[in-house]
Amino acid sequence: DLVESGGGEVLAGGSLRLSCLGSGIRFFGVYSMAWFRQAPGKAREGVASIDRYEFTAYADSVRGRFTISRDNAKNTLYLQMNTLKPEDTAMYYCASDRVVPAQSERLNVDQYSTWGQGTQVTVSS
């Protein structure tokens, strides 16, 4: 299971750090991991990904503001979000898969087979 935490409500310009615990996952380090988000009425979109080699990918809308990282010893994935904007408001999900996606597919929702329940992030202006 993947369990997200760390969401909340912040003012624009603020920061949040999301966590995703891979409970019961053996060999967490071999998994490709990613963060996605979904705002009401919109499709789920990829935010950031990190693979077993710690290669990362970011959506253009968050590059330079968000940082994805992982601590394999703790089976935990992180998303540090800085300079938050109201348009970052969404439910944030973590996802995993044992396959390393092609570079062009790292933020494709179809590349990930296991999903958490999500944590809500609300940014007010």
PDB file of N, CA and C in Angstrom:
ATOM      1  N   ASP A   1       0.826  -1.197   0.000  1.00  0.00           N
ATOM      2  CA  ASP A   1       0.000   0.000   0.000  1.00  0.00           C
ATOM      3  C   ASP A   1       0.864   1.253   0.000  1.00  0.00           C
ATOM      4  N   LEU A   2       0.325   2.299  -0.584  1.00  0.00           N
ATOM      5  CA  LEU A   2       0.954   3.614  -0.567  1.00  0.00           C
ATOM      6  C   LEU A   2       0.057   4.543   0.235  1.00  0.00           C
ATOM      7  N   VAL A   3       0.651   5.229   1.203  1.00  0.00           N
ATOM      8  CA  VAL A   3      -0.114   6.100   2.083  1.00  0.00           C
ATOM      9  C   VAL A   3       0.512   7.493   2.078  1.00  0.00           C
ATOM     10  N   GLU A   4      -0.241   8.460   1.562  1.00  0.00           N
ATOM     11  CA  GLU A   4       0.241   9.829   1.485  1.00  0.00           C
ATOM     12  C   GLU A   4      -0.112  10.596   2.763  1.00  0.00           C
ATOM     13  N   SER A   5       0.709  11.595   3.047  1.00  0.00           N
ATOM     14  CA  SER A   5       0.443  12.503   4.163  1.00  0.00           C
ATOM     15  C   SER A   5       1.124  13.824   3.877  1.00  0.00           C
ATOM     16  N   GLY A   6       0.783  14.824   4.680  1.00  0.00           N
ATOM     17  CA  GLY A   6       1.444  16.114   4.579  1.00  0.00           C
ATOM     18  C   GLY A   6       0.657  17.197   3.879  1.00  0.00           C
ATOM     19  N   GLY A   7      -0.499  16.860   3.344  1.00  0.00           N
ATOM     20  CA  GLY A   7      -1.306  17.873   2.692  1.00  0.00           C
ATOM     21  C   GLY A   7      -1.886  18.846   3.707  1.00  0.00           C
ATOM     22  N   GLY A   8      -2.481  19.914   3.187  1.00  0.00           N
ATOM     23  CA  GLY A   8      -3.091  20.912   4.062  1.00  0.00           C
ATOM     24  C   GLY A   8      -3.428  22.159   3.289  1.00  0.00           C
ATOM     25  N   GLU A   9      -3.733  23.217   4.023  1.00  0.00           N
ATOM     26  CA  GLU A   9      -4.080  24.491   3.402  1.00  0.00           C
ATOM     27  C   GLU A   9      -3.003  25.513   3.741  1.00  0.00           C
ATOM     28  N   VAL A  10      -2.513  26.183   2.705  1.00  0.00           N
ATOM     29  CA  VAL A  10      -1.472  27.191   2.881  1.00  0.00           C
ATOM     30  C   VAL A  10      -1.811  28.412   2.041  1.00  0.00           C
ATOM     31  N   LEU A  11      -1.178  29.525   2.371  1.00  0.00           N
ATOM     32  CA  LEU A  11      -1.315  30.723   1.568  1.00  0.00           C
ATOM     33  C   LEU A  11      -0.367  30.660   0.383  1.00  0.00           C
ATOM     34  N   ALA A  12      -0.730  31.346  -0.676  1.00  0.00           N
ATOM     35  CA  ALA A  12       0.143  31.426  -1.845  1.00  0.00           C
ATOM     36  C   ALA A  12       1.531  31.900  -1.425  1.00  0.00           C
ATOM     37  N   GLY A  13       2.553  31.239  -2.005  1.00  0.00           N
ATOM     38  CA  GLY A  13       3.923  31.551  -1.644  1.00  0.00           C
ATOM     39  C   GLY A  13       4.479  30.658  -0.559  1.00  0.00           C
ATOM     40  N   GLY A  14       3.606  29.902   0.083  1.00  0.00           N
ATOM     41  CA  GLY A  14       4.013  29.015   1.153  1.00  0.00           C
ATOM     42  C   GLY A  14       4.581  27.698   0.656  1.00  0.00           C
ATOM     43  N   SER A  15       4.887  26.811   1.606  1.00  0.00           N
ATOM     44  CA  SER A  15       5.506  25.520   1.299  1.00  0.00           C
ATOM     45  C   SER A  15       4.796  24.394   2.030  1.00  0.00           C
ATOM     46  N   LEU A  16       4.867  23.221   1.423  1.00  0.00           N
ATOM     47  CA  LEU A  16       4.401  21.992   2.046  1.00  0.00           C
ATOM     48  C   LEU A  16       5.332  20.873   1.634  1.00  0.00           C
ATOM     49  N   ARG A  17       5.417  19.854   2.474  1.00  0.00           N
ATOM     50  CA  ARG A  17       6.190  18.658   2.130  1.00  0.00           C
ATOM     51  C   ARG A  17       5.270  17.457   2.238  1.00  0.00           C
ATOM     52  N   LEU A  18       5.049  16.807   1.127  1.00  0.00           N
ATOM     53  CA  LEU A  18       4.241  15.596   1.102  1.00  0.00           C
ATOM     54  C   LEU A  18       5.130  14.381   1.295  1.00  0.00           C
ATOM     55  N   SER A  19       4.567  13.363   1.931  1.00  0.00           N
ATOM     56  CA  SER A  19       5.257  12.095   2.110  1.00  0.00           C
ATOM     57  C   SER A  19       4.375  10.964   1.610  1.00  0.00           C
ATOM     58  N   CYS A  20       5.002   9.907   1.175  1.00  0.00           N
ATOM     59  CA  CYS A  20       4.279   8.721   0.725  1.00  0.00           C
ATOM     60  C   CYS A  20       5.021   7.501   1.263  1.00  0.00           C
ATOM     61  N   LEU A  21       4.382   6.785   2.168  1.00  0.00           N
ATOM     62  CA  LEU A  21       4.989   5.604   2.760  1.00  0.00           C
ATOM     63  C   LEU A  21       4.571   4.363   1.992  1.00  0.00           C
ATOM     64  N   GLY A  22       5.564   3.605   1.557  1.00  0.00           N
ATOM     65  CA  GLY A  22       5.299   2.354   0.867  1.00  0.00           C
ATOM     66  C   GLY A  22       5.215   1.235   1.879  1.00  0.00           C
ATOM     67  N   SER A  23       4.057   1.110   2.483  1.00  0.00           N
ATOM     68  CA  SER A  23       3.881   0.136   3.551  1.00  0.00           C
ATOM     69  C   SER A  23       3.877  -1.280   2.994  1.00  0.00           C
ATOM     70  N   GLY A  24       4.731  -2.118   3.529  1.00  0.00           N
ATOM     71  CA  GLY A  24       4.739  -3.508   3.122  1.00  0.00           C
ATOM     72  C   GLY A  24       5.417  -3.786   1.796  1.00  0.00           C
ATOM     73  N   ILE A  25       6.015  -2.770   1.208  1.00  0.00           N
ATOM     74  CA  ILE A  25       6.679  -2.970  -0.082  1.00  0.00           C
ATOM     75  C   ILE A  25       8.110  -3.438   0.154  1.00  0.00           C
ATOM     76  N   ARG A  26       8.436  -4.602  -0.393  1.00  0.00           N
ATOM     77  CA  ARG A  26       9.800  -5.091  -0.313  1.00  0.00           C
ATOM     78  C   ARG A  26      10.601  -4.491  -1.458  1.00  0.00           C
ATOM     79  N   PHE A  27      11.863  -4.264  -1.198  1.00  0.00           N
ATOM     80  CA  PHE A  27      12.756  -3.725  -2.224  1.00  0.00           C
ATOM     81  C   PHE A  27      12.204  -2.423  -2.805  1.00  0.00           C
ATOM     82  N   PHE A  28      11.806  -1.532  -1.909  1.00  0.00           N
ATOM     83  CA  PHE A  28      11.220  -0.241  -2.308  1.00  0.00           C
ATOM     84  C   PHE A  28      12.111   0.480  -3.312  1.00  0.00           C
ATOM     85  N   GLY A  29      13.429   0.331  -3.157  1.00  0.00           N
ATOM     86  CA  GLY A  29      14.363   1.075  -3.984  1.00  0.00           C
ATOM     87  C   GLY A  29      14.313   0.753  -5.464  1.00  0.00           C
ATOM     88  N   VAL A  30      13.766  -0.397  -5.840  1.00  0.00           N
ATOM     89  CA  VAL A  30      13.740  -0.752  -7.258  1.00  0.00           C
ATOM     90  C   VAL A  30      12.535  -0.161  -7.978  1.00  0.00           C
ATOM     91  N   TYR A  31      11.617   0.403  -7.215  1.00  0.00           N
ATOM     92  CA  TYR A  31      10.391   0.904  -7.820  1.00  0.00           C
ATOM     93  C   TYR A  31      10.571   2.299  -8.402  1.00  0.00           C
ATOM     94  N   SER A  32       9.923   2.524  -9.539  1.00  0.00           N
ATOM     95  CA  SER A  32       9.743   3.877 -10.045  1.00  0.00           C
ATOM     96  C   SER A  32       8.582   4.488  -9.287  1.00  0.00           C
ATOM     97  N   MET A  33       8.762   5.723  -8.841  1.00  0.00           N
ATOM     98  CA  MET A  33       7.759   6.406  -8.026  1.00  0.00           C
ATOM     99  C   MET A  33       7.411   7.749  -8.666  1.00  0.00           C
ATOM    100  N   ALA A  34       6.206   8.195  -8.402  1.00  0.00           N
ATOM    101  CA  ALA A  34       5.785   9.469  -8.980  1.00  0.00           C
ATOM    102  C   ALA A  34       4.696  10.115  -8.136  1.00  0.00           C
ATOM    103  N   TRP A  35       4.580  11.416  -8.300  1.00  0.00           N
ATOM    104  CA  TRP A  35       3.477  12.183  -7.749  1.00  0.00           C
ATOM    105  C   TRP A  35       2.603  12.671  -8.888  1.00  0.00           C
ATOM    106  N   PHE A  36       1.307  12.532  -8.692  1.00  0.00           N
ATOM    107  CA  PHE A  36       0.307  13.057  -9.613  1.00  0.00           C
ATOM    108  C   PHE A  36      -0.649  13.940  -8.830  1.00  0.00           C
ATOM    109  N   ARG A  37      -1.415  14.730  -9.548  1.00  0.00           N
ATOM    110  CA  ARG A  37      -2.436  15.541  -8.886  1.00  0.00           C
ATOM    111  C   ARG A  37      -3.666  15.632  -9.761  1.00  0.00           C
ATOM    112  N   GLN A  38      -4.788  15.867  -9.097  1.00  0.00           N
ATOM    113  CA  GLN A  38      -6.049  15.998  -9.818  1.00  0.00           C
ATOM    114  C   GLN A  38      -6.904  17.066  -9.157  1.00  0.00           C
ATOM    115  N   ALA A  39      -7.201  18.088  -9.925  1.00  0.00           N
ATOM    116  CA  ALA A  39      -8.088  19.148  -9.464  1.00  0.00           C
ATOM    117  C   ALA A  39      -9.518  18.816  -9.879  1.00  0.00           C
ATOM    118  N   PRO A  40     -10.505  19.358  -9.189  1.00  0.00           N
ATOM    119  CA  PRO A  40     -11.910  19.065  -9.528  1.00  0.00           C
ATOM    120  C   PRO A  40     -12.207  19.378 -10.985  1.00  0.00           C
ATOM    121  N   GLY A  41     -12.794  18.417 -11.678  1.00  0.00           N
ATOM    122  CA  GLY A  41     -13.180  18.604 -13.065  1.00  0.00           C
ATOM    123  C   GLY A  41     -12.057  18.491 -14.057  1.00  0.00           C
ATOM    124  N   LYS A  42     -10.863  18.144 -13.584  1.00  0.00           N
ATOM    125  CA  LYS A  42      -9.720  18.029 -14.480  1.00  0.00           C
ATOM    126  C   LYS A  42      -9.150  16.620 -14.455  1.00  0.00           C
ATOM    127  N   ALA A  43      -8.389  16.291 -15.484  1.00  0.00           N
ATOM    128  CA  ALA A  43      -7.757  14.983 -15.553  1.00  0.00           C
ATOM    129  C   ALA A  43      -6.578  14.923 -14.582  1.00  0.00           C
ATOM    130  N   ARG A  44      -6.238  13.711 -14.181  1.00  0.00           N
ATOM    131  CA  ARG A  44      -5.066  13.523 -13.323  1.00  0.00           C
ATOM    132  C   ARG A  44      -3.810  13.817 -14.142  1.00  0.00           C
ATOM    133  N   GLU A  45      -2.898  14.587 -13.584  1.00  0.00           N
ATOM    134  CA  GLU A  45      -1.697  14.963 -14.305  1.00  0.00           C
ATOM    135  C   GLU A  45      -0.445  14.627 -13.501  1.00  0.00           C
ATOM    136  N   GLY A  46       0.605  14.289 -14.232  1.00  0.00           N
ATOM    137  CA  GLY A  46       1.868  13.982 -13.598  1.00  0.00           C
ATOM    138  C   GLY A  46       2.553  15.241 -13.105  1.00  0.00           C
ATOM    139  N   VAL A  47       3.136  15.160 -11.919  1.00  0.00           N
ATOM    140  CA  VAL A  47       3.827  16.299 -11.312  1.00  0.00           C
ATOM    141  C   VAL A  47       5.332  16.071 -11.317  1.00  0.00           C
ATOM    142  N   ALA A  48       5.751  14.909 -10.794  1.00  0.00           N
ATOM    143  CA  ALA A  48       7.182  14.607 -10.702  1.00  0.00           C
ATOM    144  C   ALA A  48       7.357  13.110 -10.571  1.00  0.00           C
ATOM    145  N   SER A  49       8.500  12.620 -11.041  1.00  0.00           N
ATOM    146  CA  SER A  49       8.792  11.199 -10.935  1.00  0.00           C
ATOM    147  C   SER A  49      10.254  11.001 -10.574  1.00  0.00           C
ATOM    148  N   ILE A  50      10.549   9.825 -10.012  1.00  0.00           N
ATOM    149  CA  ILE A  50      11.921   9.446  -9.687  1.00  0.00           C
ATOM    150  C   ILE A  50      12.028   7.936  -9.845  1.00  0.00           C
ATOM    151  N   ASP A  51      13.065   7.479 -10.530  1.00  0.00           N
ATOM    152  CA  ASP A  51      13.173   6.042 -10.748  1.00  0.00           C
ATOM    153  C   ASP A  51      14.239   5.438  -9.832  1.00  0.00           C
ATOM    154  N   ARG A  52      14.521   4.159 -10.056  1.00  0.00           N
ATOM    155  CA  ARG A  52      15.455   3.452  -9.177  1.00  0.00           C
ATOM    156  C   ARG A  52      16.870   4.013  -9.253  1.00  0.00           C
ATOM    157  N   TYR A  53      17.169   4.689 -10.346  1.00  0.00           N
ATOM    158  CA  TYR A  53      18.496   5.291 -10.516  1.00  0.00           C
ATOM    159  C   TYR A  53      18.515   6.737 -10.029  1.00  0.00           C
ATOM    160  N   GLU A  54      17.357   7.160  -9.498  1.00  0.00           N
ATOM    161  CA  GLU A  54      17.148   8.525  -8.994  1.00  0.00           C
ATOM    162  C   GLU A  54      17.195   9.568 -10.101  1.00  0.00           C
ATOM    163  N   PHE A  55      16.885   9.139 -11.317  1.00  0.00           N
ATOM    164  CA  PHE A  55      16.623  10.105 -12.387  1.00  0.00           C
ATOM    165  C   PHE A  55      15.249  10.707 -12.125  1.00  0.00           C
ATOM    166  N   THR A  56      15.141  12.007 -12.262  1.00  0.00           N
ATOM    167  CA  THR A  56      13.892  12.694 -11.963  1.00  0.00           C
ATOM    168  C   THR A  56      13.317  13.365 -13.208  1.00  0.00           C
ATOM    169  N   ALA A  57      12.014  13.610 -13.156  1.00  0.00           N
ATOM    170  CA  ALA A  57      11.325  14.344 -14.208  1.00  0.00           C
ATOM    171  C   ALA A  57      10.261  15.207 -13.546  1.00  0.00           C
ATOM    172  N   TYR A  58      10.017  16.375 -14.140  1.00  0.00           N
ATOM    173  CA  TYR A  58       9.055  17.320 -13.572  1.00  0.00           C
ATOM    174  C   TYR A  58       8.153  17.873 -14.663  1.00  0.00           C
ATOM    175  N   ALA A  59       6.921  18.146 -14.281  1.00  0.00           N
ATOM    176  CA  ALA A  59       6.035  18.892 -15.168  1.00  0.00           C
ATOM    177  C   ALA A  59       6.551  20.326 -15.273  1.00  0.00           C
ATOM    178  N   ASP A  60       6.347  20.922 -16.424  1.00  0.00           N
ATOM    179  CA  ASP A  60       6.823  22.299 -16.636  1.00  0.00           C
ATOM    180  C   ASP A  60       6.238  23.259 -15.603  1.00  0.00           C
ATOM    181  N   SER A  61       5.018  22.996 -15.191  1.00  0.00           N
ATOM    182  CA  SER A  61       4.319  23.910 -14.287  1.00  0.00           C
ATOM    183  C   SER A  61       4.909  23.935 -12.876  1.00  0.00           C
ATOM    184  N   VAL A  62       5.721  22.915 -12.530  1.00  0.00           N
ATOM    185  CA  VAL A  62       6.264  22.863 -11.160  1.00  0.00           C
ATOM    186  C   VAL A  62       7.787  22.889 -11.134  1.00  0.00           C
ATOM    187  N   ARG A  63       8.412  22.769 -12.298  1.00  0.00           N
ATOM    188  CA  ARG A  63       9.878  22.702 -12.330  1.00  0.00           C
ATOM    189  C   ARG A  63      10.462  23.966 -11.703  1.00  0.00           C
ATOM    190  N   GLY A  64      11.415  23.758 -10.817  1.00  0.00           N
ATOM    191  CA  GLY A  64      12.043  24.883 -10.127  1.00  0.00           C
ATOM    192  C   GLY A  64      11.368  25.231  -8.802  1.00  0.00           C
ATOM    193  N   ARG A  65      10.166  24.713  -8.595  1.00  0.00           N
ATOM    194  CA  ARG A  65       9.446  24.975  -7.330  1.00  0.00           C
ATOM    195  C   ARG A  65       9.284  23.710  -6.490  1.00  0.00           C
ATOM    196  N   PHE A  66       9.116  22.570  -7.163  1.00  0.00           N
ATOM    197  CA  PHE A  66       8.913  21.298  -6.472  1.00  0.00           C
ATOM    198  C   PHE A  66      10.163  20.435  -6.605  1.00  0.00           C
ATOM    199  N   THR A  67      10.410  19.609  -5.576  1.00  0.00           N
ATOM    200  CA  THR A  67      11.527  18.670  -5.600  1.00  0.00           C
ATOM    201  C   THR A  67      11.061  17.308  -5.117  1.00  0.00           C
ATOM    202  N   ILE A  68      11.274  16.293  -5.933  1.00  0.00           N
ATOM    203  CA  ILE A  68      10.941  14.935  -5.550  1.00  0.00           C
ATOM    204  C   ILE A  68      12.193  14.243  -5.037  1.00  0.00           C
ATOM    205  N   SER A  69      12.025  13.417  -4.004  1.00  0.00           N
ATOM    206  CA  SER A  69      13.151  12.666  -3.458  1.00  0.00           C
ATOM    207  C   SER A  69      12.608  11.398  -2.814  1.00  0.00           C
ATOM    208  N   ARG A  70      13.524  10.510  -2.477  1.00  0.00           N
ATOM    209  CA  ARG A  70      13.125   9.258  -1.855  1.00  0.00           C
ATOM    210  C   ARG A  70      14.142   8.847  -0.809  1.00  0.00           C
ATOM    211  N   ASP A  71      13.663   8.158   0.214  1.00  0.00           N
ATOM    212  CA  ASP A  71      14.519   7.565   1.233  1.00  0.00           C
ATOM    213  C   ASP A  71      14.184   6.078   1.249  1.00  0.00           C
ATOM    214  N   ASN A  72      14.991   5.291   0.556  1.00  0.00           N
ATOM    215  CA  ASN A  72      14.681   3.869   0.402  1.00  0.00           C
ATOM    216  C   ASN A  72      14.763   3.123   1.727  1.00  0.00           C
ATOM    217  N   ALA A  73      15.593   3.578   2.627  1.00  0.00           N
ATOM    218  CA  ALA A  73      15.701   2.924   3.936  1.00  0.00           C
ATOM    219  C   ALA A  73      14.406   3.077   4.739  1.00  0.00           C
ATOM    220  N   LYS A  74      13.657   4.133   4.446  1.00  0.00           N
ATOM    221  CA  LYS A  74      12.400   4.384   5.146  1.00  0.00           C
ATOM    222  C   LYS A  74      11.181   4.055   4.282  1.00  0.00           C
ATOM    223  N   ASN A  75      11.419   3.508   3.095  1.00  0.00           N
ATOM    224  CA  ASN A  75      10.299   3.206   2.180  1.00  0.00           C
ATOM    225  C   ASN A  75       9.415   4.432   1.953  1.00  0.00           C
ATOM    226  N   THR A  76      10.030   5.580   1.798  1.00  0.00           N
ATOM    227  CA  THR A  76       9.258   6.812   1.739  1.00  0.00           C
ATOM    228  C   THR A  76       9.663   7.677   0.551  1.00  0.00           C
ATOM    229  N   LEU A  77       8.658   8.215  -0.092  1.00  0.00           N
ATOM    230  CA  LEU A  77       8.801   9.167  -1.187  1.00  0.00           C
ATOM    231  C   LEU A  77       8.366  10.535  -0.676  1.00  0.00           C
ATOM    232  N   TYR A  78       9.046  11.582  -1.138  1.00  0.00           N
ATOM    233  CA  TYR A  78       8.728  12.934  -0.700  1.00  0.00           C
ATOM    234  C   TYR A  78       8.461  13.856  -1.898  1.00  0.00           C
ATOM    235  N   LEU A  79       7.714  14.915  -1.626  1.00  0.00           N
ATOM    236  CA  LEU A  79       7.563  16.001  -2.584  1.00  0.00           C
ATOM    237  C   LEU A  79       7.625  17.309  -1.809  1.00  0.00           C
ATOM    238  N   GLN A  80       8.727  18.017  -1.952  1.00  0.00           N
ATOM    239  CA  GLN A  80       8.867  19.336  -1.347  1.00  0.00           C
ATOM    240  C   GLN A  80       8.297  20.361  -2.310  1.00  0.00           C
ATOM    241  N   MET A  81       7.296  21.104  -1.849  1.00  0.00           N
ATOM    242  CA  MET A  81       6.614  22.071  -2.701  1.00  0.00           C
ATOM    243  C   MET A  81       6.827  23.465  -2.136  1.00  0.00           C
ATOM    244  N   ASN A  82       7.500  24.297  -2.899  1.00  0.00           N
ATOM    245  CA  ASN A  82       7.773  25.676  -2.497  1.00  0.00           C
ATOM    246  C   ASN A  82       7.068  26.648  -3.428  1.00  0.00           C
ATOM    247  N   THR A  83       6.953  27.875  -2.977  1.00  0.00           N
ATOM    248  CA  THR A  83       6.329  28.940  -3.766  1.00  0.00           C
ATOM    249  C   THR A  83       5.001  28.456  -4.361  1.00  0.00           C
ATOM    250  N   LEU A  84       4.178  27.932  -3.516  1.00  0.00           N
ATOM    251  CA  LEU A  84       2.910  27.369  -3.970  1.00  0.00           C
ATOM    252  C   LEU A  84       1.990  28.443  -4.528  1.00  0.00           C
ATOM    253  N   LYS A  85       1.209  28.044  -5.522  1.00  0.00           N
ATOM    254  CA  LYS A  85       0.275  28.925  -6.199  1.00  0.00           C
ATOM    255  C   LYS A  85      -1.143  28.361  -6.054  1.00  0.00           C
ATOM    256  N   PRO A  86      -2.154  29.208  -6.170  1.00  0.00           N
ATOM    257  CA  PRO A  86      -3.523  28.692  -6.101  1.00  0.00           C
ATOM    258  C   PRO A  86      -3.797  27.588  -7.121  1.00  0.00           C
ATOM    259  N   GLU A  87      -3.159  27.658  -8.284  1.00  0.00           N
ATOM    260  CA  GLU A  87      -3.379  26.621  -9.298  1.00  0.00           C
ATOM    261  C   GLU A  87      -2.734  25.283  -8.936  1.00  0.00           C
ATOM    262  N   ASP A  88      -1.973  25.228  -7.845  1.00  0.00           N
ATOM    263  CA  ASP A  88      -1.451  23.952  -7.359  1.00  0.00           C
ATOM    264  C   ASP A  88      -2.477  23.207  -6.513  1.00  0.00           C
ATOM    265  N   THR A  89      -3.596  23.832  -6.231  1.00  0.00           N
ATOM    266  CA  THR A  89      -4.651  23.199  -5.437  1.00  0.00           C
ATOM    267  C   THR A  89      -5.167  21.958  -6.138  1.00  0.00           C
ATOM    268  N   ALA A  90      -5.111  20.818  -5.441  1.00  0.00           N
ATOM    269  CA  ALA A  90      -5.530  19.538  -6.022  1.00  0.00           C
ATOM    270  C   ALA A  90      -5.391  18.446  -4.977  1.00  0.00           C
ATOM    271  N   MET A  91      -5.915  17.278  -5.315  1.00  0.00           N
ATOM    272  CA  MET A  91      -5.609  16.075  -4.558  1.00  0.00           C
ATOM    273  C   MET A  91      -4.319  15.517  -5.137  1.00  0.00           C
ATOM    274  N   TYR A  92      -3.362  15.224  -4.279  1.00  0.00           N
ATOM    275  CA  TYR A  92      -2.073  14.715  -4.702  1.00  0.00           C
ATOM    276  C   TYR A  92      -1.975  13.226  -4.379  1.00  0.00           C
ATOM    277  N   TYR A  93      -1.548  12.459  -5.384  1.00  0.00           N
ATOM    278  CA  TYR A  93      -1.435  11.018  -5.263  1.00  0.00           C
ATOM    279  C   TYR A  93       0.001  10.582  -5.520  1.00  0.00           C
ATOM    280  N   CYS A  94       0.448   9.580  -4.786  1.00  0.00           N
ATOM    281  CA  CYS A  94       1.706   8.947  -5.167  1.00  0.00           C
ATOM    282  C   CYS A  94       1.391   7.632  -5.865  1.00  0.00           C
ATOM    283  N   ALA A  95       2.317   7.209  -6.697  1.00  0.00           N
ATOM    284  CA  ALA A  95       2.129   6.010  -7.498  1.00  0.00           C
ATOM    285  C   ALA A  95       3.459   5.302  -7.659  1.00  0.00           C
ATOM    286  N   SER A  96       3.378   3.999  -7.925  1.00  0.00           N
ATOM    287  CA  SER A  96       4.596   3.213  -8.076  1.00  0.00           C
ATOM    288  C   SER A  96       4.428   2.136  -9.122  1.00  0.00           C
ATOM    289  N   ASP A  97       5.572   1.684  -9.624  1.00  0.00           N
ATOM    290  CA  ASP A  97       5.592   0.547 -10.541  1.00  0.00           C
ATOM    291  C   ASP A  97       6.996  -0.018 -10.561  1.00  0.00           C
ATOM    292  N   ARG A  98       7.130  -1.316 -10.817  1.00  0.00           N
ATOM    293  CA  ARG A  98       8.458  -1.929 -10.859  1.00  0.00           C
ATOM    294  C   ARG A  98       9.191  -1.633 -12.164  1.00  0.00           C
ATOM    295  N   VAL A  99       8.460  -1.233 -13.182  1.00  0.00           N
ATOM    296  CA  VAL A  99       9.057  -0.960 -14.484  1.00  0.00           C
ATOM    297  C   VAL A  99       9.579   0.473 -14.511  1.00  0.00           C
ATOM    298  N   VAL A 100      10.735   0.665 -15.121  1.00  0.00           N
ATOM    299  CA  VAL A 100      11.267   2.010 -15.318  1.00  0.00           C
ATOM    300  C   VAL A 100      10.693   2.544 -16.630  1.00  0.00           C
ATOM    301  N   PRO A 101       9.876   3.584 -16.582  1.00  0.00           N
ATOM    302  CA  PRO A 101       9.270   4.097 -17.811  1.00  0.00           C
ATOM    303  C   PRO A 101      10.303   4.727 -18.729  1.00  0.00           C
ATOM    304  N   ALA A 102       9.987   4.739 -20.013  1.00  0.00           N
ATOM    305  CA  ALA A 102      10.795   5.504 -20.943  1.00  0.00           C
ATOM    306  C   ALA A 102      10.777   6.963 -20.519  1.00  0.00           C
ATOM    307  N   GLN A 103      11.815   7.680 -20.879  1.00  0.00           N
ATOM    308  CA  GLN A 103      11.943   9.068 -20.430  1.00  0.00           C
ATOM    309  C   GLN A 103      10.711   9.880 -20.771  1.00  0.00           C
ATOM    310  N   SER A 104      10.158   9.671 -21.951  1.00  0.00           N
ATOM    311  CA  SER A 104       8.994  10.453 -22.385  1.00  0.00           C
ATOM    312  C   SER A 104       7.708  10.054 -21.682  1.00  0.00           C
ATOM    313  N   GLU A 105       7.742   8.927 -20.936  1.00  0.00           N
ATOM    314  CA  GLU A 105       6.521   8.409 -20.300  1.00  0.00           C
ATOM    315  C   GLU A 105       6.550   8.518 -18.788  1.00  0.00           C
ATOM    316  N   ARG A 106       7.532   9.181 -18.246  1.00  0.00           N
ATOM    317  CA  ARG A 106       7.704   9.184 -16.786  1.00  0.00           C
ATOM    318  C   ARG A 106       6.549   9.827 -16.045  1.00  0.00           C
ATOM    319  N   LEU A 107       5.807  10.708 -16.671  1.00  0.00           N
ATOM    320  CA  LEU A 107       4.678  11.363 -16.022  1.00  0.00           C
ATOM    321  C   LEU A 107       3.353  10.930 -16.621  1.00  0.00           C
ATOM    322  N   ASN A 108       3.369   9.772 -17.227  1.00  0.00           N
ATOM    323  CA  ASN A 108       2.159   9.219 -17.825  1.00  0.00           C
ATOM    324  C   ASN A 108       1.442   8.359 -16.790  1.00  0.00           C
ATOM    325  N   VAL A 109       0.194   8.659 -16.525  1.00  0.00           N
ATOM    326  CA  VAL A 109      -0.564   7.955 -15.491  1.00  0.00           C
ATOM    327  C   VAL A 109      -0.641   6.454 -15.776  1.00  0.00           C
ATOM    328  N   ASP A 110      -0.599   6.078 -17.040  1.00  0.00           N
ATOM    329  CA  ASP A 110      -0.736   4.665 -17.408  1.00  0.00           C
ATOM    330  C   ASP A 110       0.511   3.842 -17.092  1.00  0.00           C
ATOM    331  N   GLN A 111       1.607   4.484 -16.721  1.00  0.00           N
ATOM    332  CA  GLN A 111       2.848   3.770 -16.442  1.00  0.00           C
ATOM    333  C   GLN A 111       2.914   3.231 -15.015  1.00  0.00           C
ATOM    334  N   TYR A 112       1.938   3.565 -14.181  1.00  0.00           N
ATOM    335  CA  TYR A 112       2.015   3.225 -12.766  1.00  0.00           C
ATOM    336  C   TYR A 112       0.819   2.353 -12.367  1.00  0.00           C
ATOM    337  N   SER A 113       1.113   1.295 -11.646  1.00  0.00           N
ATOM    338  CA  SER A 113       0.085   0.304 -11.342  1.00  0.00           C
ATOM    339  C   SER A 113      -0.479   0.390  -9.932  1.00  0.00           C
ATOM    340  N   THR A 114       0.243   1.010  -9.028  1.00  0.00           N
ATOM    341  CA  THR A 114      -0.201   1.074  -7.637  1.00  0.00           C
ATOM    342  C   THR A 114      -0.326   2.528  -7.215  1.00  0.00           C
ATOM    343  N   TRP A 115      -1.447   2.833  -6.551  1.00  0.00           N
ATOM    344  CA  TRP A 115      -1.760   4.218  -6.211  1.00  0.00           C
ATOM    345  C   TRP A 115      -2.170   4.338  -4.744  1.00  0.00           C
ATOM    346  N   GLY A 116      -1.839   5.494  -4.168  1.00  0.00           N
ATOM    347  CA  GLY A 116      -2.338   5.808  -2.848  1.00  0.00           C
ATOM    348  C   GLY A 116      -3.719   6.443  -2.912  1.00  0.00           C
ATOM    349  N   GLN A 117      -4.234   6.795  -1.747  1.00  0.00           N
ATOM    350  CA  GLN A 117      -5.579   7.365  -1.662  1.00  0.00           C
ATOM    351  C   GLN A 117      -5.594   8.877  -1.837  1.00  0.00           C
ATOM    352  N   GLY A 118      -4.441   9.498  -1.744  1.00  0.00           N
ATOM    353  CA  GLY A 118      -4.350  10.929  -1.983  1.00  0.00           C
ATOM    354  C   GLY A 118      -4.340  11.766  -0.714  1.00  0.00           C
ATOM    355  N   THR A 119      -3.777  12.958  -0.846  1.00  0.00           N
ATOM    356  CA  THR A 119      -3.783  13.951   0.225  1.00  0.00           C
ATOM    357  C   THR A 119      -4.099  15.307  -0.404  1.00  0.00           C
ATOM    358  N   GLN A 120      -4.983  16.051   0.223  1.00  0.00           N
ATOM    359  CA  GLN A 120      -5.468  17.297  -0.354  1.00  0.00           C
ATOM    360  C   GLN A 120      -4.522  18.449  -0.066  1.00  0.00           C
ATOM    361  N   VAL A 121      -4.218  19.208  -1.113  1.00  0.00           N
ATOM    362  CA  VAL A 121      -3.437  20.439  -0.984  1.00  0.00           C
ATOM    363  C   VAL A 121      -4.307  21.595  -1.462  1.00  0.00           C
ATOM    364  N   THR A 122      -4.477  22.589  -0.620  1.00  0.00           N
ATOM    365  CA  THR A 122      -5.259  23.766  -0.970  1.00  0.00           C
ATOM    366  C   THR A 122      -4.414  25.007  -0.757  1.00  0.00           C
ATOM    367  N   VAL A 123      -4.263  25.797  -1.819  1.00  0.00           N
ATOM    368  CA  VAL A 123      -3.471  27.018  -1.763  1.00  0.00           C
ATOM    369  C   VAL A 123      -4.410  28.199  -1.976  1.00  0.00           C
ATOM    370  N   SER A 124      -4.471  29.061  -1.007  1.00  0.00           N
ATOM    371  CA  SER A 124      -5.367  30.210  -1.104  1.00  0.00           C
ATOM    372  C   SER A 124      -4.567  31.480  -1.372  1.00  0.00           C
ATOM    373  N   SER A 125      -5.199  32.384  -2.084  1.00  0.00           N
ATOM    374  CA  SER A 125      -4.516  33.634  -2.464  1.00  0.00           C
ATOM    375  C   SER A 125      -4.736  34.729  -1.431  1.00  0.00           C
TER     376      SER A 125
END
